[in-house]
Amino acid sequence: MTSLGFPTAMRFFSLPARGLLPAALLAVTPLPVSAQRAPAVPAAAIAAPDYAEVADLVLQSPMVVDATIRSAARIKGAEAAGVAPGHTRFYVEGDVIALVRGTGAIPARVGWLVDVPPDWRGRTPNLKKQRVLAFARPVAGRPDQLQLVTPEAQRSWSPPLESLARRIAQEAAAPDAPPVVTGVRNAFHVPGALPGEGETQIFLTTEGDRPAALSILRRPGEQPRWSVALSEIIDDSAAAPARDTLLWYRLACALPPALPERSTAALSPEDAQVAREDYGVVMAALGSCRNGTDAAVPPALSGNGVSAGSVSGGGAPM
């Protein structure tokens, strides 16, 4: 083991079920272009959930609610200002089945606001009785109301989606959860005694200045081997993170595609070139952050709601 020193270095608002809606609640950010694409596809055609897309939602959401929509009231006129072309705004109420992520208790029925794209036939979908996952935050002073964290944060429920959301929530809540990676600090390369032998260490920047570094070992006649250290001790026997884990996501979705020039400014041209190549080994092994398909996660429906009763929250803590 080697001891190393690390430098320190749209809102969607819940709405009342009846009556005129306050103007302040109508300032809904229009859906992004990505949300205005092709209509949703039938459930049978939906691919397996994409880890990175689900992680994006889970990690933003203090609450992930599994619910069945009991009612859906269509909102028209001035109260539907800012709805993307072809979409329909609803205020929905749902019966809570489970709290996938969150702490404490939640009412048995909740409500939320959602803009819904057309279904696979190009029609406004019938939301009633649909089972969904709502990735949301609570509304201050309104325990029976939720606020979706993004315009696409209501998803059609499926066993794979719920399972993945729970797993990500548990990974994020673990005491040894990896830090949020924000970039690359600097890189070092030490050539070995034999041609083609050497070690590159690349120190990362993280939220909270927690230690994180990549280590790439080269030995003659062998493929380069890399690993990640999340402490000031780099273990040469450590393994690279498996795909579709929180550590993989923190790296694959945050690191730049190439090593920044400033990170190798203190190296000789030869060592800097090896460091860049070694960084390329890591990025190739990590692969693409996303599957590259808009249908990777079950289609957004739209929602925001809950009222009556009390259901104990058994999901992973935030």
C-alpha atoms as a PDB file:
ATOM      1  CA  MET A   1       0.000   0.000   0.000  1.00  0.00           C
ATOM      2  CA  THR A   2       1.118   3.520  -0.733  1.00  0.00           C
ATOM      3  CA  SER A   3       0.322   6.499   1.506  1.00  0.00           C
ATOM      4  CA  LEU A   4      -0.541   9.584  -0.502  1.00  0.00           C
ATOM      5  CA  GLY A   5      -1.323  13.134   0.554  1.00  0.00           C
ATOM      6  CA  PHE A   6      -4.502  14.641  -0.820  1.00  0.00           C
ATOM      7  CA  PRO A   7      -4.644  18.434  -1.144  1.00  0.00           C
ATOM      8  CA  THR A   8      -7.613  20.064   0.574  1.00  0.00           C
ATOM      9  CA  ALA A   9      -8.985  21.895  -1.668  1.00  0.00           C
ATOM     10  CA  MET A  10     -38.904  24.590 -13.369  1.00  0.00           C
ATOM     11  CA  ARG A  11     -40.160  24.105 -10.727  1.00  0.00           C
ATOM     12  CA  PHE A  12     -43.317  21.924 -10.457  1.00  0.00           C
ATOM     13  CA  PHE A  13     -45.641  23.145  -7.726  1.00  0.00           C
ATOM     14  CA  SER A  14     -48.354  21.174  -5.999  1.00  0.00           C
ATOM     15  CA  LEU A  15     -51.835  22.538  -6.674  1.00  0.00           C
ATOM     16  CA  PRO A  16     -55.119  22.422  -4.787  1.00  0.00           C
ATOM     17  CA  ALA A  17     -57.623  19.963  -6.212  1.00  0.00           C
ATOM     18  CA  ARG A  18     -60.340  22.592  -6.589  1.00  0.00           C
ATOM     19  CA  GLY A  19     -60.702  26.272  -7.190  1.00  0.00           C
ATOM     20  CA  LEU A  20     -58.699  28.878  -9.000  1.00  0.00           C
ATOM     21  CA  LEU A  21     -54.973  28.280  -8.924  1.00  0.00           C
ATOM     22  CA  PRO A  22     -52.711  31.035  -7.526  1.00  0.00           C
ATOM     23  CA  ALA A  23     -50.715  32.806 -10.219  1.00  0.00           C
ATOM     24  CA  ALA A  24     -47.439  32.002  -8.437  1.00  0.00           C
ATOM     25  CA  LEU A  25     -48.127  28.293  -8.901  1.00  0.00           C
ATOM     26  CA  LEU A  26     -48.564  28.680 -12.636  1.00  0.00           C
ATOM     27  CA  ALA A  27     -44.942  29.716 -13.241  1.00  0.00           C
ATOM     28  CA  VAL A  28     -44.032  26.247 -14.418  1.00  0.00           C
ATOM     29  CA  THR A  29     -40.886  26.020 -16.485  1.00  0.00           C
ATOM     30  CA  PRO A  30     -41.700  24.642 -19.966  1.00  0.00           C
ATOM     31  CA  LEU A  31     -40.559  21.095 -20.545  1.00  0.00           C
ATOM     32  CA  PRO A  32     -37.153  20.756 -22.212  1.00  0.00           C
ATOM     33  CA  VAL A  33     -36.907  19.743 -25.849  1.00  0.00           C
ATOM     34  CA  SER A  34     -36.048  16.196 -24.771  1.00  0.00           C
ATOM     35  CA  ALA A  35     -39.487  15.948 -23.157  1.00  0.00           C
ATOM     36  CA  GLN A  36     -41.213  16.991 -26.398  1.00  0.00           C
ATOM     37  CA  ARG A  37     -40.025  14.121 -28.549  1.00  0.00           C
ATOM     38  CA  ALA A  38     -41.882  11.069 -29.765  1.00  0.00           C
ATOM     39  CA  PRO A  39     -44.964   9.889 -27.867  1.00  0.00           C
ATOM     40  CA  ALA A  40     -44.583   7.308 -25.157  1.00  0.00           C
ATOM     41  CA  VAL A  41     -44.353   3.694 -26.302  1.00  0.00           C
ATOM     42  CA  PRO A  42     -46.382   0.707 -25.092  1.00  0.00           C
ATOM     43  CA  ALA A  43     -45.108  -0.905 -21.893  1.00  0.00           C
ATOM     44  CA  ALA A  44     -44.055  -4.044 -23.766  1.00  0.00           C
ATOM     45  CA  ALA A  45     -41.616  -2.008 -25.854  1.00  0.00           C
ATOM     46  CA  ILE A  46     -39.906  -0.294 -22.915  1.00  0.00           C
ATOM     47  CA  ALA A  47     -36.286  -1.272 -22.396  1.00  0.00           C
ATOM     48  CA  ALA A  48     -34.713  -2.047 -19.032  1.00  0.00           C
ATOM     49  CA  PRO A  49     -34.169   1.025 -16.831  1.00  0.00           C
ATOM     50  CA  ASP A  50     -30.927   2.907 -17.431  1.00  0.00           C
ATOM     51  CA  TYR A  51     -28.904   3.143 -14.208  1.00  0.00           C
ATOM     52  CA  ALA A  52     -27.684   6.703 -14.789  1.00  0.00           C
ATOM     53  CA  GLU A  53     -31.129   8.092 -15.639  1.00  0.00           C
ATOM     54  CA  VAL A  54     -32.684   6.510 -12.575  1.00  0.00           C
ATOM     55  CA  ALA A  55     -29.761   7.628 -10.393  1.00  0.00           C
ATOM     56  CA  ASP A  56     -30.223  11.200 -11.632  1.00  0.00           C
ATOM     57  CA  LEU A  57     -33.806  11.115 -10.353  1.00  0.00           C
ATOM     58  CA  VAL A  58     -33.228   9.215  -7.101  1.00  0.00           C
ATOM     59  CA  LEU A  59     -30.308  11.364  -5.970  1.00  0.00           C
ATOM     60  CA  GLN A  60     -32.332  14.576  -6.510  1.00  0.00           C
ATOM     61  CA  SER A  61     -35.374  13.236  -4.690  1.00  0.00           C
ATOM     62  CA  PRO A  62     -35.825  13.347  -0.918  1.00  0.00           C
ATOM     63  CA  MET A  63     -38.875  11.144  -1.555  1.00  0.00           C
ATOM     64  CA  VAL A  64     -39.595   8.401  -4.068  1.00  0.00           C
ATOM     65  CA  VAL A  65     -43.237   7.355  -3.828  1.00  0.00           C
ATOM     66  CA  ASP A  66     -44.851   4.235  -5.258  1.00  0.00           C
ATOM     67  CA  ALA A  67     -48.508   5.104  -5.796  1.00  0.00           C
ATOM     68  CA  THR A  68     -51.611   4.264  -7.808  1.00  0.00           C
ATOM     69  CA  ILE A  69     -53.348   7.280  -9.328  1.00  0.00           C
ATOM     70  CA  ARG A  70     -56.882   7.572  -7.941  1.00  0.00           C
ATOM     71  CA  SER A  71     -57.976  10.706  -9.796  1.00  0.00           C
ATOM     72  CA  ALA A  72     -56.648  13.030 -12.485  1.00  0.00           C
ATOM     73  CA  ALA A  73     -58.150  16.477 -13.037  1.00  0.00           C
ATOM     74  CA  ARG A  74     -57.253  18.111 -16.335  1.00  0.00           C
ATOM     75  CA  ILE A  75     -56.099  21.715 -16.005  1.00  0.00           C
ATOM     76  CA  LYS A  76     -56.947  24.105 -18.832  1.00  0.00           C
ATOM     77  CA  GLY A  77     -56.766  27.766 -19.746  1.00  0.00           C
ATOM     78  CA  ALA A  78     -54.425  30.170 -18.019  1.00  0.00           C
ATOM     79  CA  GLU A  79     -53.671  27.571 -15.374  1.00  0.00           C
ATOM     80  CA  ALA A  80     -52.043  25.396 -18.054  1.00  0.00           C
ATOM     81  CA  ALA A  81     -49.641  28.109 -19.265  1.00  0.00           C
ATOM     82  CA  GLY A  82     -46.232  26.847 -20.292  1.00  0.00           C
ATOM     83  CA  VAL A  83     -47.323  23.295 -21.128  1.00  0.00           C
ATOM     84  CA  ALA A  84     -45.217  21.864 -23.957  1.00  0.00           C
ATOM     85  CA  PRO A  85     -46.949  21.317 -27.318  1.00  0.00           C
ATOM     86  CA  GLY A  86     -48.989  18.133 -27.305  1.00  0.00           C
ATOM     87  CA  HIS A  87     -48.776  17.725 -23.528  1.00  0.00           C
ATOM     88  CA  THR A  88     -51.629  17.948 -21.045  1.00  0.00           C
ATOM     89  CA  ARG A  89     -51.445  19.262 -17.499  1.00  0.00           C
ATOM     90  CA  PHE A  90     -53.123  17.304 -14.716  1.00  0.00           C
ATOM     91  CA  TYR A  91     -53.490  17.552 -10.993  1.00  0.00           C
ATOM     92  CA  VAL A  92     -53.457  13.963  -9.796  1.00  0.00           C
ATOM     93  CA  GLU A  93     -54.050  12.270  -6.492  1.00  0.00           C
ATOM     94  CA  GLY A  94     -52.546   8.883  -5.757  1.00  0.00           C
ATOM     95  CA  ASP A  95     -52.940   6.188  -3.123  1.00  0.00           C
ATOM     96  CA  VAL A  96     -49.529   5.464  -1.643  1.00  0.00           C
ATOM     97  CA  ILE A  97     -48.348   1.862  -1.872  1.00  0.00           C
ATOM     98  CA  ALA A  98     -44.852   2.356  -0.472  1.00  0.00           C
ATOM     99  CA  LEU A  99     -42.214   4.947   0.248  1.00  0.00           C
ATOM    100  CA  VAL A 100     -39.259   3.770  -1.810  1.00  0.00           C
ATOM    101  CA  ARG A 101     -36.994   6.532  -0.523  1.00  0.00           C
ATOM    102  CA  GLY A 102     -37.571   8.882   2.361  1.00  0.00           C
ATOM    103  CA  THR A 103     -37.808   9.044   6.118  1.00  0.00           C
ATOM    104  CA  GLY A 104     -40.686   9.383   8.527  1.00  0.00           C
ATOM    105  CA  ALA A 105     -44.318   8.983   7.508  1.00  0.00           C
ATOM    106  CA  ILE A 106     -46.361  10.032   4.497  1.00  0.00           C
ATOM    107  CA  PRO A 107     -50.155  10.370   4.158  1.00  0.00           C
ATOM    108  CA  ALA A 108     -51.961   7.472   2.509  1.00  0.00           C
ATOM    109  CA  ARG A 109     -53.054   9.720  -0.358  1.00  0.00           C
ATOM    110  CA  VAL A 110     -51.030  12.498  -1.940  1.00  0.00           C
ATOM    111  CA  GLY A 111     -51.388  14.898  -4.838  1.00  0.00           C
ATOM    112  CA  TRP A 112     -49.054  16.534  -7.368  1.00  0.00           C
ATOM    113  CA  LEU A 113     -48.986  18.473 -10.626  1.00  0.00           C
ATOM    114  CA  VAL A 114     -47.792  16.856 -13.830  1.00  0.00           C
ATOM    115  CA  ASP A 115     -47.552  17.574 -17.560  1.00  0.00           C
ATOM    116  CA  VAL A 116     -48.251  14.423 -19.539  1.00  0.00           C
ATOM    117  CA  PRO A 117     -47.049  13.574 -23.081  1.00  0.00           C
ATOM    118  CA  PRO A 118     -49.296  11.705 -25.536  1.00  0.00           C
ATOM    119  CA  ASP A 119     -49.383   7.929 -25.289  1.00  0.00           C
ATOM    120  CA  TRP A 120     -48.019   5.639 -27.991  1.00  0.00           C
ATOM    121  CA  ARG A 121     -51.206   6.186 -30.017  1.00  0.00           C
ATOM    122  CA  GLY A 122     -50.822   9.959 -29.894  1.00  0.00           C
ATOM    123  CA  ARG A 123     -53.725  10.377 -27.460  1.00  0.00           C
ATOM    124  CA  THR A 124     -53.939  11.902 -24.013  1.00  0.00           C
ATOM    125  CA  PRO A 125     -53.358   8.955 -21.657  1.00  0.00           C
ATOM    126  CA  ASN A 126     -55.862   7.841 -19.068  1.00  0.00           C
ATOM    127  CA  LEU A 127     -53.924   8.243 -15.824  1.00  0.00           C
ATOM    128  CA  LYS A 128     -56.552   6.825 -13.497  1.00  0.00           C
ATOM    129  CA  LYS A 129     -55.472   3.510 -11.923  1.00  0.00           C
ATOM    130  CA  GLN A 130     -51.970   3.865 -13.351  1.00  0.00           C
ATOM    131  CA  ARG A 131     -49.247   2.741 -10.957  1.00  0.00           C
ATOM    132  CA  VAL A 132     -46.319   5.176 -10.940  1.00  0.00           C
ATOM    133  CA  LEU A 133     -43.132   6.126  -9.175  1.00  0.00           C
ATOM    134  CA  ALA A 134     -43.049   9.819  -8.271  1.00  0.00           C
ATOM    135  CA  PHE A 135     -39.552  11.223  -7.705  1.00  0.00           C
ATOM    136  CA  ALA A 136     -40.373  14.236  -5.598  1.00  0.00           C
ATOM    137  CA  ARG A 137     -39.766  16.590  -2.711  1.00  0.00           C
ATOM    138  CA  PRO A 138     -42.262  17.489   0.012  1.00  0.00           C
ATOM    139  CA  VAL A 139     -44.143  20.789  -0.040  1.00  0.00           C
ATOM    140  CA  ALA A 140     -43.569  22.872   3.088  1.00  0.00           C
ATOM    141  CA  GLY A 141     -46.642  22.938   5.305  1.00  0.00           C
ATOM    142  CA  ARG A 142     -48.569  20.558   3.023  1.00  0.00           C
ATOM    143  CA  PRO A 143     -47.845  16.942   3.965  1.00  0.00           C
ATOM    144  CA  ASP A 144     -50.451  15.740   1.440  1.00  0.00           C
ATOM    145  CA  GLN A 145     -48.684  17.446  -1.475  1.00  0.00           C
ATOM    146  CA  LEU A 146     -45.575  16.543  -3.490  1.00  0.00           C
ATOM    147  CA  GLN A 147     -43.484  18.439  -6.013  1.00  0.00           C
ATOM    148  CA  LEU A 148     -41.811  16.506  -8.823  1.00  0.00           C
ATOM    149  CA  VAL A 149     -38.070  17.187  -8.972  1.00  0.00           C
ATOM    150  CA  THR A 150     -38.099  17.439 -12.795  1.00  0.00           C
ATOM    151  CA  PRO A 151     -40.832  17.608 -15.438  1.00  0.00           C
ATOM    152  CA  GLU A 152     -40.171  13.939 -16.243  1.00  0.00           C
ATOM    153  CA  ALA A 153     -40.019  12.694 -12.658  1.00  0.00           C
ATOM    154  CA  GLN A 154     -43.221  10.663 -12.747  1.00  0.00           C
ATOM    155  CA  ARG A 155     -42.518   7.264 -14.270  1.00  0.00           C
ATOM    156  CA  SER A 156     -44.662   4.266 -15.081  1.00  0.00           C
ATOM    157  CA  TRP A 157     -44.056   1.680 -12.369  1.00  0.00           C
ATOM    158  CA  SER A 158     -42.373  -1.595 -13.192  1.00  0.00           C
ATOM    159  CA  PRO A 159     -40.633  -4.183 -10.991  1.00  0.00           C
ATOM    160  CA  PRO A 160     -37.191  -3.463 -12.559  1.00  0.00           C
ATOM    161  CA  LEU A 161     -37.605   0.300 -12.099  1.00  0.00           C
ATOM    162  CA  GLU A 162     -38.664   0.008  -8.458  1.00  0.00           C
ATOM    163  CA  SER A 163     -35.887  -2.480  -7.733  1.00  0.00           C
ATOM    164  CA  LEU A 164     -33.252  -0.230  -9.291  1.00  0.00           C
ATOM    165  CA  ALA A 165     -34.552   2.879  -7.507  1.00  0.00           C
ATOM    166  CA  ARG A 166     -34.411   1.054  -4.170  1.00  0.00           C
ATOM    167  CA  ARG A 167     -30.893  -0.212  -4.825  1.00  0.00           C
ATOM    168  CA  ILE A 168     -29.619   3.266  -5.724  1.00  0.00           C
ATOM    169  CA  ALA A 169     -31.293   4.771  -2.639  1.00  0.00           C
ATOM    170  CA  GLN A 170     -29.614   2.135  -0.458  1.00  0.00           C
ATOM    171  CA  GLU A 171     -26.219   2.728  -2.094  1.00  0.00           C
ATOM    172  CA  ALA A 172     -26.530   6.471  -1.535  1.00  0.00           C
ATOM    173  CA  ALA A 173     -27.499   6.002   2.125  1.00  0.00           C
ATOM    174  CA  ALA A 174     -24.648   3.591   2.928  1.00  0.00           C
ATOM    175  CA  PRO A 175     -21.974   4.874   5.363  1.00  0.00           C
ATOM    176  CA  ASP A 176     -19.285   4.201   2.776  1.00  0.00           C
ATOM    177  CA  ALA A 177     -21.161   5.780  -0.147  1.00  0.00           C
ATOM    178  CA  PRO A 178     -18.719   7.268  -2.683  1.00  0.00           C
ATOM    179  CA  PRO A 179     -18.386  11.059  -2.835  1.00  0.00           C
ATOM    180  CA  VAL A 180     -19.761  13.226  -5.605  1.00  0.00           C
ATOM    181  CA  VAL A 181     -16.939  13.589  -8.134  1.00  0.00           C
ATOM    182  CA  THR A 182     -16.598  17.068  -9.629  1.00  0.00           C
ATOM    183  CA  GLY A 183     -13.466  16.804 -11.786  1.00  0.00           C
ATOM    184  CA  VAL A 184      -9.735  16.111 -11.993  1.00  0.00           C
ATOM    185  CA  ARG A 185      -7.187  17.816  -9.753  1.00  0.00           C
ATOM    186  CA  ASN A 186      -3.768  16.636 -10.988  1.00  0.00           C
ATOM    187  CA  ALA A 187      -1.945  13.591 -12.298  1.00  0.00           C
ATOM    188  CA  PHE A 188       1.416  11.966 -11.636  1.00  0.00           C
ATOM    189  CA  HIS A 189       3.288   9.219 -13.449  1.00  0.00           C
ATOM    190  CA  VAL A 190       6.224   7.199 -12.148  1.00  0.00           C
ATOM    191  CA  PRO A 191       8.042   5.019 -14.730  1.00  0.00           C
ATOM    192  CA  GLY A 192       9.093   1.545 -13.605  1.00  0.00           C
ATOM    193  CA  ALA A 193      12.483  -0.147 -13.860  1.00  0.00           C
ATOM    194  CA  LEU A 194      11.471  -2.077 -17.011  1.00  0.00           C
ATOM    195  CA  PRO A 195      10.266  -0.718 -20.380  1.00  0.00           C
ATOM    196  CA  GLY A 196       6.489  -0.420 -20.364  1.00  0.00           C
ATOM    197  CA  GLU A 197       6.284  -0.528 -16.570  1.00  0.00           C
ATOM    198  CA  GLY A 198       4.930   2.312 -14.467  1.00  0.00           C
ATOM    199  CA  GLU A 199       2.150   3.728 -12.315  1.00  0.00           C
ATOM    200  CA  THR A 200      -0.108   6.724 -12.885  1.00  0.00           C
ATOM    201  CA  GLN A 201      -2.101   8.330 -10.091  1.00  0.00           C
ATOM    202  CA  ILE A 202      -4.852  10.805 -10.925  1.00  0.00           C
ATOM    203  CA  PHE A 203      -6.327  12.788  -8.035  1.00  0.00           C
ATOM    204  CA  LEU A 204      -9.972  13.841  -8.332  1.00  0.00           C
ATOM    205  CA  THR A 205     -11.933  16.768  -6.941  1.00  0.00           C
ATOM    206  CA  THR A 206     -15.045  15.930  -4.931  1.00  0.00           C
ATOM    207  CA  GLU A 207     -17.776  17.628  -2.968  1.00  0.00           C
ATOM    208  CA  GLY A 208     -16.591  18.118   0.591  1.00  0.00           C
ATOM    209  CA  ASP A 209     -12.957  17.615  -0.487  1.00  0.00           C
ATOM    210  CA  ARG A 210     -13.163  13.909   0.282  1.00  0.00           C
ATOM    211  CA  PRO A 211     -10.191  11.914  -1.054  1.00  0.00           C
ATOM    212  CA  ALA A 212     -10.579  10.103  -4.360  1.00  0.00           C
ATOM    213  CA  ALA A 213      -7.927   8.963  -6.814  1.00  0.00           C
ATOM    214  CA  LEU A 214      -7.471   6.703  -9.819  1.00  0.00           C
ATOM    215  CA  SER A 215      -4.495   4.383  -9.933  1.00  0.00           C
ATOM    216  CA  ILE A 216      -3.333   2.758 -13.187  1.00  0.00           C
ATOM    217  CA  LEU A 217      -0.611   0.104 -13.083  1.00  0.00           C
ATOM    218  CA  ARG A 218       1.317  -1.052 -16.152  1.00  0.00           C
ATOM    219  CA  ARG A 219       3.500  -4.161 -16.273  1.00  0.00           C
ATOM    220  CA  PRO A 220       5.304  -5.554 -19.327  1.00  0.00           C
ATOM    221  CA  GLY A 221       3.201  -8.046 -21.262  1.00  0.00           C
ATOM    222  CA  GLU A 222       0.027  -7.305 -19.268  1.00  0.00           C
ATOM    223  CA  GLN A 223      -3.026  -5.181 -19.818  1.00  0.00           C
ATOM    224  CA  PRO A 224      -3.087  -1.976 -17.715  1.00  0.00           C
ATOM    225  CA  ARG A 225      -4.977  -2.451 -14.443  1.00  0.00           C
ATOM    226  CA  TRP A 226      -6.792   0.381 -12.744  1.00  0.00           C
ATOM    227  CA  SER A 227      -8.605   0.942  -9.475  1.00  0.00           C
ATOM    228  CA  VAL A 228     -10.146   3.709  -7.348  1.00  0.00           C
ATOM    229  CA  ALA A 229      -9.072   4.806  -3.876  1.00  0.00           C
ATOM    230  CA  LEU A 230     -11.527   6.662  -1.628  1.00  0.00           C
ATOM    231  CA  SER A 231      -9.078   7.218   1.197  1.00  0.00           C
ATOM    232  CA  GLU A 232      -5.531   8.487   1.480  1.00  0.00           C
ATOM    233  CA  ILE A 233      -4.294   4.907   1.173  1.00  0.00           C
ATOM    234  CA  ILE A 234      -4.154   3.432  -2.323  1.00  0.00           C
ATOM    235  CA  ASP A 235      -4.502  -0.339  -2.239  1.00  0.00           C
ATOM    236  CA  ASP A 236      -2.704  -1.936  -5.184  1.00  0.00           C
ATOM    237  CA  SER A 237      -5.011  -4.962  -4.923  1.00  0.00           C
ATOM    238  CA  ALA A 238      -8.236  -2.917  -5.233  1.00  0.00           C
ATOM    239  CA  ALA A 239     -10.523  -3.579  -8.203  1.00  0.00           C
ATOM    240  CA  ALA A 240     -12.209  -1.237 -10.635  1.00  0.00           C
ATOM    241  CA  PRO A 241     -15.887  -0.522  -9.836  1.00  0.00           C
ATOM    242  CA  ALA A 242     -18.518  -2.664 -11.524  1.00  0.00           C
ATOM    243  CA  ARG A 243     -20.786  -0.992 -14.047  1.00  0.00           C
ATOM    244  CA  ASP A 244     -24.162   0.220 -12.790  1.00  0.00           C
ATOM    245  CA  THR A 245     -22.997   0.901  -9.260  1.00  0.00           C
ATOM    246  CA  LEU A 246     -22.969   4.256  -7.510  1.00  0.00           C
ATOM    247  CA  LEU A 247     -19.163   4.556  -7.702  1.00  0.00           C
ATOM    248  CA  TRP A 248     -19.226   3.756 -11.413  1.00  0.00           C
ATOM    249  CA  TYR A 249     -21.940   6.398 -11.897  1.00  0.00           C
ATOM    250  CA  ARG A 250     -19.997   9.019  -9.928  1.00  0.00           C
ATOM    251  CA  LEU A 251     -17.014   8.491 -12.242  1.00  0.00           C
ATOM    252  CA  ALA A 252     -18.563   7.750 -15.634  1.00  0.00           C
ATOM    253  CA  CYS A 253     -21.071  10.598 -15.482  1.00  0.00           C
ATOM    254  CA  ALA A 254     -18.761  13.264 -14.009  1.00  0.00           C
ATOM    255  CA  LEU A 255     -15.235  12.837 -15.338  1.00  0.00           C
ATOM    256  CA  PRO A 256     -14.185  14.767 -18.455  1.00  0.00           C
ATOM    257  CA  PRO A 257     -13.584  12.663 -21.578  1.00  0.00           C
ATOM    258  CA  ALA A 258      -9.880  13.571 -21.666  1.00  0.00           C
ATOM    259  CA  LEU A 259      -7.335  14.490 -19.022  1.00  0.00           C
ATOM    260  CA  PRO A 260      -7.238  18.310 -18.638  1.00  0.00           C
ATOM    261  CA  GLU A 261      -3.898  19.823 -19.657  1.00  0.00           C
ATOM    262  CA  ARG A 262      -3.556  21.715 -16.380  1.00  0.00           C
ATOM    263  CA  SER A 263      -3.560  18.396 -14.495  1.00  0.00           C
ATOM    264  CA  THR A 264      -0.298  17.343 -16.184  1.00  0.00           C
ATOM    265  CA  ALA A 265       1.426  20.751 -16.210  1.00  0.00           C
ATOM    266  CA  ALA A 266       4.056  19.602 -13.693  1.00  0.00           C
ATOM    267  CA  LEU A 267       4.989  16.462 -15.680  1.00  0.00           C
ATOM    268  CA  SER A 268       7.573  15.956 -18.394  1.00  0.00           C
ATOM    269  CA  PRO A 269       6.098  15.639 -21.904  1.00  0.00           C
ATOM    270  CA  GLU A 270       6.773  11.893 -21.859  1.00  0.00           C
ATOM    271  CA  ASP A 271       5.151  11.310 -18.471  1.00  0.00           C
ATOM    272  CA  ALA A 272       2.228  13.564 -19.389  1.00  0.00           C
ATOM    273  CA  GLN A 273       1.586  11.496 -22.510  1.00  0.00           C
ATOM    274  CA  VAL A 274       1.552   8.256 -20.517  1.00  0.00           C
ATOM    275  CA  ALA A 275      -0.798   9.830 -17.969  1.00  0.00           C
ATOM    276  CA  ARG A 276      -3.177  10.821 -20.767  1.00  0.00           C
ATOM    277  CA  GLU A 277      -3.080   7.303 -22.177  1.00  0.00           C
ATOM    278  CA  ASP A 278      -3.706   5.785 -18.771  1.00  0.00           C
ATOM    279  CA  TYR A 279      -6.652   8.104 -18.205  1.00  0.00           C
ATOM    280  CA  GLY A 280      -7.981   6.934 -21.559  1.00  0.00           C
ATOM    281  CA  VAL A 281      -7.764   3.344 -20.299  1.00  0.00           C
ATOM    282  CA  VAL A 282     -10.025   4.287 -17.369  1.00  0.00           C
ATOM    283  CA  MET A 283     -12.552   6.136 -19.516  1.00  0.00           C
ATOM    284  CA  ALA A 284     -12.750   3.268 -22.021  1.00  0.00           C
ATOM    285  CA  ALA A 285     -13.335   0.805 -19.192  1.00  0.00           C
ATOM    286  CA  LEU A 286     -16.043   2.964 -17.615  1.00  0.00           C
ATOM    287  CA  GLY A 287     -17.869   3.248 -20.917  1.00  0.00           C
ATOM    288  CA  SER A 288     -20.748   5.575 -21.719  1.00  0.00           C
ATOM    289  CA  CYS A 289     -22.595   7.056 -18.764  1.00  0.00           C
ATOM    290  CA  ARG A 290     -25.955   6.412 -20.424  1.00  0.00           C
ATOM    291  CA  ASN A 291     -27.519   3.841 -22.696  1.00  0.00           C
ATOM    292  CA  GLY A 292     -28.238   6.483 -25.311  1.00  0.00           C
ATOM    293  CA  THR A 293     -31.940   5.727 -25.608  1.00  0.00           C
ATOM    294  CA  ASP A 294     -34.799   8.007 -24.625  1.00  0.00           C
ATOM    295  CA  ALA A 295     -36.959   4.984 -23.812  1.00  0.00           C
ATOM    296  CA  ALA A 296     -34.485   3.460 -21.381  1.00  0.00           C
ATOM    297  CA  VAL A 297     -36.629   4.369 -18.394  1.00  0.00           C
ATOM    298  CA  PRO A 298     -40.422   3.855 -18.414  1.00  0.00           C
ATOM    299  CA  PRO A 299     -42.079   6.939 -19.933  1.00  0.00           C
ATOM    300  CA  ALA A 300     -42.961   9.968 -17.879  1.00  0.00           C
ATOM    301  CA  LEU A 301     -46.658  10.357 -17.169  1.00  0.00           C
ATOM    302  CA  SER A 302     -46.717  13.267 -14.745  1.00  0.00           C
ATOM    303  CA  GLY A 303     -47.979  13.570 -11.221  1.00  0.00           C
ATOM    304  CA  ASN A 304     -47.915  15.179  -7.780  1.00  0.00           C
ATOM    305  CA  GLY A 305     -50.195  14.261  -4.914  1.00  0.00           C
ATOM    306  CA  VAL A 306     -51.184  12.507  -1.617  1.00  0.00           C
ATOM    307  CA  SER A 307     -53.808  12.954   1.078  1.00  0.00           C
ATOM    308  CA  ALA A 308     -55.547  11.214   3.970  1.00  0.00           C
ATOM    309  CA  GLY A 309     -54.222   8.654   6.347  1.00  0.00           C
ATOM    310  CA  SER A 310     -50.653   7.874   7.260  1.00  0.00           C
ATOM    311  CA  VAL A 311     -48.209   5.368   5.828  1.00  0.00           C
ATOM    312  CA  SER A 312     -44.967   4.698   7.613  1.00  0.00           C
ATOM    313  CA  GLY A 313     -41.933   5.341   5.461  1.00  0.00           C
ATOM    314  CA  GLY A 314     -39.777   2.242   5.150  1.00  0.00           C
ATOM    315  CA  GLY A 315     -37.514   3.306   2.323  1.00  0.00           C
ATOM    316  CA  ALA A 316     -33.848   4.176   2.464  1.00  0.00           C
ATOM    317  CA  PRO A 317     -33.062   7.418   4.235  1.00  0.00           C
ATOM    318  CA  MET A 318     -32.145  10.430   2.143  1.00  0.00           C
END
